[in-house]
Amino acid sequence: MKKALVTEGTGVTGAALVRYLLNKGVSVTAVVRPGSSRRYTIPDNENLKIIECSLGDSPEYTFEQGIGKLYGGIKIPK
């Protein structure tokens, strides 16, 4: 299964991208702001993992190996 990481997962563009990728059968990790009031914009799905963090806070998350693309303006090398 393909994997993708989407930043700003509850924003207008990010939420649309999350829904699109899930409909295509992609496993999605979405980064959202803590306590986002827009969480309702992305559906619950077994192929969706949500990480709440502020990208400006230098999060100490280690994303799983195998994510080939990072959507939202930043790329991760394979």
PDB file of N, CA and C in Angstrom:
ATOM      1  N   MET A   1       0.846  -1.175   0.000  1.00  0.00           N
ATOM      2  CA  MET A   1       0.000   0.000   0.000  1.00  0.00           C
ATOM      3  C   MET A   1       0.894   1.242   0.000  1.00  0.00           C
ATOM      4  N   LYS A   2       0.551   2.215  -0.807  1.00  0.00           N
ATOM      5  CA  LYS A   2       1.279   3.477  -0.840  1.00  0.00           C
ATOM      6  C   LYS A   2       0.964   4.263   0.431  1.00  0.00           C
ATOM      7  N   LYS A   3       1.925   5.100   0.829  1.00  0.00           N
ATOM      8  CA  LYS A   3       1.771   5.926   2.023  1.00  0.00           C
ATOM      9  C   LYS A   3       2.034   7.380   1.673  1.00  0.00           C
ATOM     10  N   ALA A   4       1.341   8.287   2.364  1.00  0.00           N
ATOM     11  CA  ALA A   4       1.556   9.717   2.181  1.00  0.00           C
ATOM     12  C   ALA A   4       1.432  10.426   3.510  1.00  0.00           C
ATOM     13  N   LEU A   5       2.170  11.512   3.646  1.00  0.00           N
ATOM     14  CA  LEU A   5       2.096  12.366   4.818  1.00  0.00           C
ATOM     15  C   LEU A   5       1.587  13.713   4.344  1.00  0.00           C
ATOM     16  N   VAL A   6       0.500  14.193   4.946  1.00  0.00           N
ATOM     17  CA  VAL A   6      -0.110  15.461   4.548  1.00  0.00           C
ATOM     18  C   VAL A   6      -0.036  16.432   5.714  1.00  0.00           C
ATOM     19  N   THR A   7       0.624  17.570   5.502  1.00  0.00           N
ATOM     20  CA  THR A   7       0.638  18.611   6.525  1.00  0.00           C
ATOM     21  C   THR A   7      -0.611  19.465   6.354  1.00  0.00           C
ATOM     22  N   GLU A   8      -0.982  20.175   7.401  1.00  0.00           N
ATOM     23  CA  GLU A   8      -2.189  21.005   7.378  1.00  0.00           C
ATOM     24  C   GLU A   8      -3.404  20.171   6.970  1.00  0.00           C
ATOM     25  N   GLY A   9      -3.506  18.985   7.575  1.00  0.00           N
ATOM     26  CA  GLY A   9      -4.521  18.009   7.199  1.00  0.00           C
ATOM     27  C   GLY A   9      -5.962  18.442   7.374  1.00  0.00           C
ATOM     28  N   THR A  10      -6.216  19.477   8.175  1.00  0.00           N
ATOM     29  CA  THR A  10      -7.591  19.945   8.341  1.00  0.00           C
ATOM     30  C   THR A  10      -7.841  21.264   7.615  1.00  0.00           C
ATOM     31  N   GLY A  11      -6.844  21.766   6.906  1.00  0.00           N
ATOM     32  CA  GLY A  11      -7.045  22.970   6.096  1.00  0.00           C
ATOM     33  C   GLY A  11      -7.887  22.633   4.875  1.00  0.00           C
ATOM     34  N   VAL A  12      -8.297  23.633   4.146  1.00  0.00           N
ATOM     35  CA  VAL A  12      -9.159  23.405   2.978  1.00  0.00           C
ATOM     36  C   VAL A  12      -8.477  22.480   1.973  1.00  0.00           C
ATOM     37  N   THR A  13      -7.247  22.802   1.590  1.00  0.00           N
ATOM     38  CA  THR A  13      -6.531  21.993   0.606  1.00  0.00           C
ATOM     39  C   THR A  13      -6.099  20.664   1.198  1.00  0.00           C
ATOM     40  N   GLY A  14      -5.567  20.698   2.425  1.00  0.00           N
ATOM     41  CA  GLY A  14      -5.094  19.470   3.063  1.00  0.00           C
ATOM     42  C   GLY A  14      -6.202  18.452   3.276  1.00  0.00           C
ATOM     43  N   ALA A  15      -7.370  18.905   3.723  1.00  0.00           N
ATOM     44  CA  ALA A  15      -8.496  17.993   3.947  1.00  0.00           C
ATOM     45  C   ALA A  15      -8.975  17.383   2.640  1.00  0.00           C
ATOM     46  N   ALA A  16      -9.018  18.193   1.595  1.00  0.00           N
ATOM     47  CA  ALA A  16      -9.418  17.663   0.275  1.00  0.00           C
ATOM     48  C   ALA A  16      -8.411  16.629  -0.200  1.00  0.00           C
ATOM     49  N   LEU A  17      -7.130  16.888   0.029  1.00  0.00           N
ATOM     50  CA  LEU A  17      -6.091  15.940  -0.378  1.00  0.00           C
ATOM     51  C   LEU A  17      -6.177  14.651   0.435  1.00  0.00           C
ATOM     52  N   VAL A  18      -6.415  14.763   1.736  1.00  0.00           N
ATOM     53  CA  VAL A  18      -6.567  13.569   2.576  1.00  0.00           C
ATOM     54  C   VAL A  18      -7.715  12.706   2.059  1.00  0.00           C
ATOM     55  N   ARG A  19      -8.866  13.313   1.802  1.00  0.00           N
ATOM     56  CA  ARG A  19     -10.015  12.548   1.298  1.00  0.00           C
ATOM     57  C   ARG A  19      -9.700  11.911  -0.052  1.00  0.00           C
ATOM     58  N   TYR A  20      -9.060  12.648  -0.940  1.00  0.00           N
ATOM     59  CA  TYR A  20      -8.694  12.127  -2.267  1.00  0.00           C
ATOM     60  C   TYR A  20      -7.770  10.907  -2.136  1.00  0.00           C
ATOM     61  N   LEU A  21      -6.725  11.045  -1.327  1.00  0.00           N
ATOM     62  CA  LEU A  21      -5.767   9.945  -1.173  1.00  0.00           C
ATOM     63  C   LEU A  21      -6.418   8.720  -0.543  1.00  0.00           C
ATOM     64  N   LEU A  22      -7.255   8.918   0.476  1.00  0.00           N
ATOM     65  CA  LEU A  22      -7.954   7.782   1.092  1.00  0.00           C
ATOM     66  C   LEU A  22      -8.842   7.081   0.072  1.00  0.00           C
ATOM     67  N   ASN A  23      -9.530   7.847  -0.770  1.00  0.00           N
ATOM     68  CA  ASN A  23     -10.386   7.251  -1.805  1.00  0.00           C
ATOM     69  C   ASN A  23      -9.582   6.467  -2.832  1.00  0.00           C
ATOM     70  N   LYS A  24      -8.296   6.805  -2.983  1.00  0.00           N
ATOM     71  CA  LYS A  24      -7.410   6.092  -3.912  1.00  0.00           C
ATOM     72  C   LYS A  24      -6.730   4.898  -3.245  1.00  0.00           C
ATOM     73  N   GLY A  25      -7.037   4.658  -1.970  1.00  0.00           N
ATOM     74  CA  GLY A  25      -6.474   3.507  -1.263  1.00  0.00           C
ATOM     75  C   GLY A  25      -5.098   3.746  -0.666  1.00  0.00           C
ATOM     76  N   VAL A  26      -4.714   5.008  -0.498  1.00  0.00           N
ATOM     77  CA  VAL A  26      -3.414   5.355   0.077  1.00  0.00           C
ATOM     78  C   VAL A  26      -3.543   5.434   1.595  1.00  0.00           C
ATOM     79  N   SER A  27      -2.541   4.940   2.311  1.00  0.00           N
ATOM     80  CA  SER A  27      -2.477   5.071   3.764  1.00  0.00           C
ATOM     81  C   SER A  27      -1.949   6.471   4.061  1.00  0.00           C
ATOM     82  N   VAL A  28      -2.709   7.258   4.830  1.00  0.00           N
ATOM     83  CA  VAL A  28      -2.392   8.675   5.027  1.00  0.00           C
ATOM     84  C   VAL A  28      -2.073   8.960   6.488  1.00  0.00           C
ATOM     85  N   THR A  29      -0.979   9.701   6.714  1.00  0.00           N
ATOM     86  CA  THR A  29      -0.684  10.283   8.009  1.00  0.00           C
ATOM     87  C   THR A  29      -0.913  11.772   7.848  1.00  0.00           C
ATOM     88  N   ALA A  30      -1.837  12.324   8.629  1.00  0.00           N
ATOM     89  CA  ALA A  30      -2.176  13.747   8.534  1.00  0.00           C
ATOM     90  C   ALA A  30      -1.673  14.472   9.767  1.00  0.00           C
ATOM     91  N   VAL A  31      -0.947  15.558   9.547  1.00  0.00           N
ATOM     92  CA  VAL A  31      -0.477  16.395  10.641  1.00  0.00           C
ATOM     93  C   VAL A  31      -1.475  17.538  10.805  1.00  0.00           C
ATOM     94  N   VAL A  32      -2.024  17.674  12.024  1.00  0.00           N
ATOM     95  CA  VAL A  32      -3.014  18.722  12.296  1.00  0.00           C
ATOM     96  C   VAL A  32      -2.607  19.479  13.560  1.00  0.00           C
ATOM     97  N   ARG A  33      -3.051  20.725  13.640  1.00  0.00           N
ATOM     98  CA  ARG A  33      -2.771  21.526  14.835  1.00  0.00           C
ATOM     99  C   ARG A  33      -3.493  20.928  16.045  1.00  0.00           C
ATOM    100  N   PRO A  34      -2.843  20.955  17.209  1.00  0.00           N
ATOM    101  CA  PRO A  34      -3.493  20.442  18.417  1.00  0.00           C
ATOM    102  C   PRO A  34      -4.818  21.174  18.679  1.00  0.00           C
ATOM    103  N   GLY A  35      -5.854  20.420  18.945  1.00  0.00           N
ATOM    104  CA  GLY A  35      -7.154  20.991  19.260  1.00  0.00           C
ATOM    105  C   GLY A  35      -7.848  21.660  18.091  1.00  0.00           C
ATOM    106  N   SER A  36      -7.467  21.301  16.885  1.00  0.00           N
ATOM    107  CA  SER A  36      -8.063  21.929  15.701  1.00  0.00           C
ATOM    108  C   SER A  36      -9.580  21.782  15.716  1.00  0.00           C
ATOM    109  N   SER A  37     -10.263  22.895  15.518  1.00  0.00           N
ATOM    110  CA  SER A  37     -11.730  22.857  15.482  1.00  0.00           C
ATOM    111  C   SER A  37     -12.224  22.341  14.137  1.00  0.00           C
ATOM    112  N   ARG A  38     -11.308  22.131  13.188  1.00  0.00           N
ATOM    113  CA  ARG A  38     -11.681  21.663  11.849  1.00  0.00           C
ATOM    114  C   ARG A  38     -11.446  20.154  11.684  1.00  0.00           C
ATOM    115  N   ARG A  39     -11.286  19.416  12.769  1.00  0.00           N
ATOM    116  CA  ARG A  39     -11.048  17.964  12.695  1.00  0.00           C
ATOM    117  C   ARG A  39     -12.165  17.267  11.923  1.00  0.00           C
ATOM    118  N   TYR A  40     -13.371  17.828  11.963  1.00  0.00           N
ATOM    119  CA  TYR A  40     -14.519  17.230  11.269  1.00  0.00           C
ATOM    120  C   TYR A  40     -14.336  17.216   9.745  1.00  0.00           C
ATOM    121  N   THR A  41     -13.378  17.950   9.217  1.00  0.00           N
ATOM    122  CA  THR A  41     -13.217  18.039   7.761  1.00  0.00           C
ATOM    123  C   THR A  41     -12.569  16.804   7.152  1.00  0.00           C
ATOM    124  N   ILE A  42     -11.983  15.934   7.990  1.00  0.00           N
ATOM    125  CA  ILE A  42     -11.410  14.698   7.461  1.00  0.00           C
ATOM    126  C   ILE A  42     -12.111  13.507   8.116  1.00  0.00           C
ATOM    127  N   PRO A  43     -12.420  12.494   7.300  1.00  0.00           N
ATOM    128  CA  PRO A  43     -13.216  11.370   7.795  1.00  0.00           C
ATOM    129  C   PRO A  43     -12.398  10.407   8.650  1.00  0.00           C
ATOM    130  N   ASP A  44     -13.077   9.724   9.555  1.00  0.00           N
ATOM    131  CA  ASP A  44     -12.441   8.612  10.254  1.00  0.00           C
ATOM    132  C   ASP A  44     -12.252   7.497   9.232  1.00  0.00           C
ATOM    133  N   ASN A  45     -11.080   6.879   9.254  1.00  0.00           N
ATOM    134  CA  ASN A  45     -10.780   5.844   8.271  1.00  0.00           C
ATOM    135  C   ASN A  45      -9.668   4.976   8.845  1.00  0.00           C
ATOM    136  N   GLU A  46      -9.750   3.678   8.610  1.00  0.00           N
ATOM    137  CA  GLU A  46      -8.726   2.771   9.145  1.00  0.00           C
ATOM    138  C   GLU A  46      -7.357   3.034   8.519  1.00  0.00           C
ATOM    139  N   ASN A  47      -7.306   3.693   7.359  1.00  0.00           N
ATOM    140  CA  ASN A  47      -6.038   4.002   6.694  1.00  0.00           C
ATOM    141  C   ASN A  47      -5.560   5.420   6.991  1.00  0.00           C
ATOM    142  N   LEU A  48      -6.145   6.056   8.018  1.00  0.00           N
ATOM    143  CA  LEU A  48      -5.773   7.413   8.377  1.00  0.00           C
ATOM    144  C   LEU A  48      -5.188   7.456   9.790  1.00  0.00           C
ATOM    145  N   LYS A  49      -3.999   8.019   9.897  1.00  0.00           N
ATOM    146  CA  LYS A  49      -3.364   8.245  11.201  1.00  0.00           C
ATOM    147  C   LYS A  49      -3.234   9.749  11.361  1.00  0.00           C
ATOM    148  N   ILE A  50      -3.653  10.273  12.514  1.00  0.00           N
ATOM    149  CA  ILE A  50      -3.590  11.709  12.770  1.00  0.00           C
ATOM    150  C   ILE A  50      -2.536  11.986  13.830  1.00  0.00           C
ATOM    151  N   ILE A  51      -1.669  12.939  13.522  1.00  0.00           N
ATOM    152  CA  ILE A  51      -0.665  13.392  14.478  1.00  0.00           C
ATOM    153  C   ILE A  51      -0.960  14.850  14.766  1.00  0.00           C
ATOM    154  N   GLU A  52      -1.224  15.162  16.032  1.00  0.00           N
ATOM    155  CA  GLU A  52      -1.475  16.554  16.419  1.00  0.00           C
ATOM    156  C   GLU A  52      -0.165  17.187  16.859  1.00  0.00           C
ATOM    157  N   CYS A  53       0.266  18.193  16.121  1.00  0.00           N
ATOM    158  CA  CYS A  53       1.461  18.939  16.505  1.00  0.00           C
ATOM    159  C   CYS A  53       1.501  20.245  15.726  1.00  0.00           C
ATOM    160  N   SER A  54       2.232  21.185  16.256  1.00  0.00           N
ATOM    161  CA  SER A  54       2.468  22.440  15.562  1.00  0.00           C
ATOM    162  C   SER A  54       3.821  22.325  14.893  1.00  0.00           C
ATOM    163  N   LEU A  55       3.881  22.499  13.583  1.00  0.00           N
ATOM    164  CA  LEU A  55       5.149  22.343  12.879  1.00  0.00           C
ATOM    165  C   LEU A  55       6.166  23.380  13.321  1.00  0.00           C
ATOM    166  N   GLY A  56       5.715  24.483  13.883  1.00  0.00           N
ATOM    167  CA  GLY A  56       6.624  25.501  14.381  1.00  0.00           C
ATOM    168  C   GLY A  56       7.284  25.147  15.705  1.00  0.00           C
ATOM    169  N   ASP A  57       6.819  24.076  16.343  1.00  0.00           N
ATOM    170  CA  ASP A  57       7.357  23.670  17.641  1.00  0.00           C
ATOM    171  C   ASP A  57       8.460  22.626  17.540  1.00  0.00           C
ATOM    172  N   SER A  58       8.977  22.383  16.333  1.00  0.00           N
ATOM    173  CA  SER A  58      10.000  21.359  16.116  1.00  0.00           C
ATOM    174  C   SER A  58       9.581  20.042  16.752  1.00  0.00           C
ATOM    175  N   PRO A  59       8.550  19.410  16.205  1.00  0.00           N
ATOM    176  CA  PRO A  59       8.050  18.161  16.815  1.00  0.00           C
ATOM    177  C   PRO A  59       9.114  17.077  16.829  1.00  0.00           C
ATOM    178  N   GLU A  60       9.039  16.244  17.839  1.00  0.00           N
ATOM    179  CA  GLU A  60       9.993  15.152  17.989  1.00  0.00           C
ATOM    180  C   GLU A  60       9.373  13.840  17.543  1.00  0.00           C
ATOM    181  N   TYR A  61       8.691  13.877  16.405  1.00  0.00           N
ATOM    182  CA  TYR A  61       8.060  12.673  15.877  1.00  0.00           C
ATOM    183  C   TYR A  61       8.990  12.014  14.885  1.00  0.00           C
ATOM    184  N   THR A  62       9.034  10.716  14.897  1.00  0.00           N
ATOM    185  CA  THR A  62       9.755   9.961  13.880  1.00  0.00           C
ATOM    186  C   THR A  62       8.702   9.282  13.023  1.00  0.00           C
ATOM    187  N   PHE A  63       8.622   9.683  11.762  1.00  0.00           N
ATOM    188  CA  PHE A  63       7.632   9.105  10.870  1.00  0.00           C
ATOM    189  C   PHE A  63       8.140   7.770  10.342  1.00  0.00           C
ATOM    190  N   GLU A  64       7.211   6.842  10.187  1.00  0.00           N
ATOM    191  CA  GLU A  64       7.580   5.500   9.784  1.00  0.00           C
ATOM    192  C   GLU A  64       8.271   5.493   8.424  1.00  0.00           C
ATOM    193  N   GLN A  65       9.175   4.554   8.245  1.00  0.00           N
ATOM    194  CA  GLN A  65       9.883   4.389   6.976  1.00  0.00           C
ATOM    195  C   GLN A  65       8.879   4.068   5.877  1.00  0.00           C
ATOM    196  N   GLY A  66       9.186   4.435   4.666  1.00  0.00           N
ATOM    197  CA  GLY A  66       8.349   4.061   3.541  1.00  0.00           C
ATOM    198  C   GLY A  66       7.455   5.162   3.032  1.00  0.00           C
ATOM    199  N   ILE A  67       7.427   6.323   3.692  1.00  0.00           N
ATOM    200  CA  ILE A  67       6.642   7.423   3.151  1.00  0.00           C
ATOM    201  C   ILE A  67       7.452   8.036   2.020  1.00  0.00           C
ATOM    202  N   GLY A  68       6.931   7.947   0.819  1.00  0.00           N
ATOM    203  CA  GLY A  68       7.670   8.407  -0.348  1.00  0.00           C
ATOM    204  C   GLY A  68       7.405   9.843  -0.706  1.00  0.00           C
ATOM    205  N   LYS A  69       6.279  10.403  -0.277  1.00  0.00           N
ATOM    206  CA  LYS A  69       5.939  11.771  -0.636  1.00  0.00           C
ATOM    207  C   LYS A  69       5.387  12.487   0.581  1.00  0.00           C
ATOM    208  N   LEU A  70       5.717  13.753   0.684  1.00  0.00           N
ATOM    209  CA  LEU A  70       5.159  14.598   1.737  1.00  0.00           C
ATOM    210  C   LEU A  70       4.425  15.727   1.042  1.00  0.00           C
ATOM    211  N   TYR A  71       3.121  15.764   1.202  1.00  0.00           N
ATOM    212  CA  TYR A  71       2.326  16.800   0.564  1.00  0.00           C
ATOM    213  C   TYR A  71       2.209  17.979   1.514  1.00  0.00           C
ATOM    214  N   GLY A  72       2.170  19.158   0.981  1.00  0.00           N
ATOM    215  CA  GLY A  72       2.041  20.355   1.789  1.00  0.00           C
ATOM    216  C   GLY A  72       3.252  21.265   1.616  1.00  0.00           C
ATOM    217  N   GLY A  73       4.039  21.048   0.588  1.00  0.00           N
ATOM    218  CA  GLY A  73       5.119  21.956   0.277  1.00  0.00           C
ATOM    219  C   GLY A  73       6.508  21.471   0.655  1.00  0.00           C
ATOM    220  N   ILE A  74       6.622  20.334   1.322  1.00  0.00           N
ATOM    221  CA  ILE A  74       7.933  19.818   1.738  1.00  0.00           C
ATOM    222  C   ILE A  74       8.045  18.393   1.232  1.00  0.00           C
ATOM    223  N   LYS A  75       9.224  18.008   0.780  1.00  0.00           N
ATOM    224  CA  LYS A  75       9.432  16.625   0.347  1.00  0.00           C
ATOM    225  C   LYS A  75      10.387  15.916   1.296  1.00  0.00           C
ATOM    226  N   ILE A  76      10.132  14.630   1.505  1.00  0.00           N
ATOM    227  CA  ILE A  76      11.023  13.785   2.279  1.00  0.00           C
ATOM    228  C   ILE A  76      11.724  12.865   1.295  1.00  0.00           C
ATOM    229  N   PRO A  77      13.038  12.721   1.368  1.00  0.00           N
ATOM    230  CA  PRO A  77      13.699  11.770   0.467  1.00  0.00           C
ATOM    231  C   PRO A  77      13.252  10.350   0.783  1.00  0.00           C
ATOM    232  N   LYS A  78      13.188   9.517  -0.252  1.00  0.00           N
ATOM    233  CA  LYS A  78      12.788   8.109  -0.046  1.00  0.00           C
ATOM    234  C   LYS A  78      13.835   7.378   0.734  1.00  0.00           C
TER     235      LYS A  78
END
